């Protein structure tokens, strides 16, 4: 936990320097730094595949097989055409 706090502190300091050392924005810099560190720390976990690769292939195959079972926009045109409104004379 201390290592993470050190990274956040360093990142907040760098943000503070980059913004020209403004006063009264410590909380904002700390929040920005905490977000950036979390993104950097968890970046590698976002690139790992979820689940078994074979399972993913099977799911995508099932999805392809089911494609024709769901209505599309073109299916809506097969309904009875709307009646034209009569105008009064």
Protein backbone atom coordinates (compact mmCIF):
# COMPACT_ATOMS: atom_id res chain seq x y z
CA UNK A 1 0.00 0.00 0.00
CA UNK A 2 2.87 2.38 0.77
CA UNK A 3 4.35 1.79 -2.68
CA UNK A 4 1.04 2.76 -4.30
CA UNK A 5 0.80 5.90 -2.15
CA UNK A 6 4.34 6.85 -3.20
CA UNK A 7 3.38 6.48 -6.87
CA UNK A 8 0.29 8.61 -6.34
CA UNK A 9 2.30 11.26 -4.50
CA UNK A 10 4.91 11.40 -7.27
CA UNK A 11 2.24 11.59 -9.98
CA UNK A 12 0.34 14.34 -8.08
CA UNK A 13 3.58 16.30 -7.73
CA UNK A 14 4.25 15.96 -11.46
CA UNK A 15 0.71 17.15 -12.26
CA UNK A 16 1.20 20.10 -9.91
CA UNK A 17 4.45 21.03 -11.68
CA UNK A 18 2.89 20.61 -15.13
CA UNK A 19 0.04 22.97 -14.21
CA UNK A 20 2.47 25.67 -13.11
CA UNK A 21 2.39 25.05 -9.33
CA UNK A 22 -1.10 26.44 -8.61
CA UNK A 23 -2.20 26.79 -4.99
CA UNK A 24 -5.32 25.16 -3.55
CA UNK A 25 -5.63 22.28 -6.03
CA UNK A 26 -4.03 19.54 -3.93
CA UNK A 27 -7.20 17.44 -3.75
CA UNK A 28 -7.76 17.70 -7.50
CA UNK A 29 -4.17 16.71 -8.26
CA UNK A 30 -4.35 13.82 -5.79
CA UNK A 31 -7.57 12.49 -7.39
CA UNK A 32 -6.12 12.82 -10.88
CA UNK A 33 -2.95 11.05 -9.79
CA UNK A 34 -4.88 8.25 -8.08
CA UNK A 35 -6.87 7.66 -11.30
CA UNK A 36 -3.76 7.67 -13.48
CA UNK A 37 -1.88 5.27 -11.22
CA UNK A 38 -4.88 2.92 -11.07
CA UNK A 39 -5.10 2.94 -14.86
CA UNK A 40 -1.40 2.24 -15.25
CA UNK A 41 -1.42 -0.51 -12.61
CA UNK A 42 -4.44 -2.27 -14.09
CA UNK A 43 -3.56 -1.81 -17.74
CA UNK A 44 -2.06 -5.27 -18.14
CA UNK A 45 -5.06 -6.95 -16.55
CA UNK A 46 -7.30 -5.35 -19.19
CA UNK A 47 -5.33 -6.98 -22.01
CA UNK A 48 -5.73 -10.53 -20.71
CA UNK A 49 -8.41 -12.62 -22.41
CA UNK A 50 -11.39 -13.42 -20.24
CA UNK A 51 -12.18 -17.09 -19.83
CA UNK A 52 -11.05 -19.98 -21.96
CA UNK A 53 -10.27 -19.27 -25.61
CA UNK A 54 -12.13 -22.39 -26.75
CA UNK A 55 -15.22 -21.23 -24.83
CA UNK A 56 -15.10 -17.87 -26.62
CA UNK A 57 -14.91 -19.59 -30.02
CA UNK A 58 -17.92 -21.75 -29.16
CA UNK A 59 -19.93 -18.72 -28.04
CA UNK A 60 -19.15 -16.80 -31.21
CA UNK A 61 -20.12 -19.83 -33.31
CA UNK A 62 -23.46 -20.06 -31.50
CA UNK A 63 -24.04 -16.36 -32.09
CA UNK A 64 -23.39 -16.79 -35.81
CA UNK A 65 -25.81 -19.74 -35.95
CA UNK A 66 -28.55 -17.67 -34.30
CA UNK A 67 -28.21 -14.63 -36.54
CA UNK A 68 -31.21 -15.43 -38.68
CA UNK A 69 -33.53 -15.93 -35.72
CA UNK A 70 -33.81 -12.31 -34.70
CA UNK A 71 -35.89 -9.68 -36.52
CA UNK A 72 -34.06 -6.97 -38.39
CA UNK A 73 -35.13 -3.66 -39.83
CA UNK A 74 -35.83 -5.32 -43.19
CA UNK A 75 -38.35 -7.66 -41.51
CA UNK A 76 -40.46 -4.67 -40.55
CA UNK A 77 -41.16 -3.90 -44.19
CA UNK A 78 -43.02 -7.20 -44.61
CA UNK A 79 -45.99 -5.94 -42.62
CA UNK A 80 -49.17 -4.61 -44.21
CA UNK A 81 -48.52 -1.17 -45.71
CA UNK A 82 -50.08 1.74 -43.82
CA UNK A 83 -53.39 3.02 -45.12
CA UNK A 84 -53.47 6.42 -46.70
CA UNK A 85 -55.40 9.02 -44.81
CA UNK A 86 -58.46 10.34 -46.56
CA UNK A 87 -58.76 14.06 -46.97
CA UNK A 88 -62.10 15.79 -46.51
CA UNK A 89 -63.37 17.91 -49.30
